[in-house]
Amino acid sequence: MNRNTRRARAIAIAQAKPDTKLVTLRYLMLAAGATAASIAALLSHFI
């Protein structure tokens, strides 16, 4: 791989935008996991 192809690949990676649906799904899953962990902690505290 010569310098030009490496440079073109680096530019393409830098310009690539993250998929908004994937980012939204990732944050929703993170929020769901945090909510489940909070509920489990509260239940274990009261039982």
Protein backbone atom coordinates (compact mmCIF):
# COMPACT_ATOMS: atom_id res chain seq x y z
CA MET A 1 0.00 0.00 0.00
CA ASN A 2 1.61 3.23 -1.06
CA ARG A 3 1.31 6.64 0.51
CA ASN A 4 -1.53 7.85 -1.70
CA THR A 5 -3.82 4.93 -0.92
CA ARG A 6 -3.09 5.27 2.79
CA ARG A 7 -3.87 8.97 2.60
CA ALA A 8 -7.10 8.34 0.68
CA ARG A 9 -8.17 5.73 3.21
CA ALA A 10 -7.43 8.07 6.14
CA ILE A 11 -9.44 10.86 4.51
CA ALA A 12 -12.36 8.50 3.84
CA ILE A 13 -12.36 7.31 7.45
CA ALA A 14 -12.18 10.87 8.76
CA GLN A 15 -15.09 11.97 6.58
CA ALA A 16 -17.28 8.98 7.39
CA LYS A 17 -20.26 10.03 9.46
CA PRO A 18 -21.59 7.64 12.12
CA ASP A 19 -24.95 6.13 11.33
CA THR A 20 -27.54 8.06 13.36
CA LYS A 21 -29.81 5.03 13.75
CA LEU A 22 -26.94 2.98 15.14
CA VAL A 23 -25.93 5.74 17.55
CA THR A 24 -29.52 6.17 18.72
CA LEU A 25 -29.92 2.42 19.23
CA ARG A 26 -26.65 2.30 21.17
CA TYR A 27 -27.77 5.06 23.55
CA LEU A 28 -31.21 3.48 24.00
CA MET A 29 -29.63 0.13 24.90
CA LEU A 30 -27.27 1.89 27.32
CA ALA A 31 -30.22 3.67 28.95
CA ALA A 32 -32.19 0.42 29.19
CA GLY A 33 -29.25 -1.33 30.82
CA ALA A 34 -28.75 1.47 33.31
CA THR A 35 -32.45 1.46 34.17
CA ALA A 36 -32.46 -2.31 34.69
CA ALA A 37 -29.37 -2.09 36.89
CA SER A 38 -30.94 0.67 38.97
CA ILE A 39 -34.16 -1.30 39.47
CA ALA A 40 -32.20 -4.42 40.40
CA ALA A 41 -30.16 -2.46 42.93
CA LEU A 42 -33.28 -0.97 44.47
CA LEU A 43 -35.03 -4.33 44.66
CA SER A 44 -32.04 -6.00 46.25
CA HIS A 45 -31.88 -3.20 48.81
CA PHE A 46 -35.52 -3.60 49.86
CA ILE A 47 -35.62 -7.40 49.91
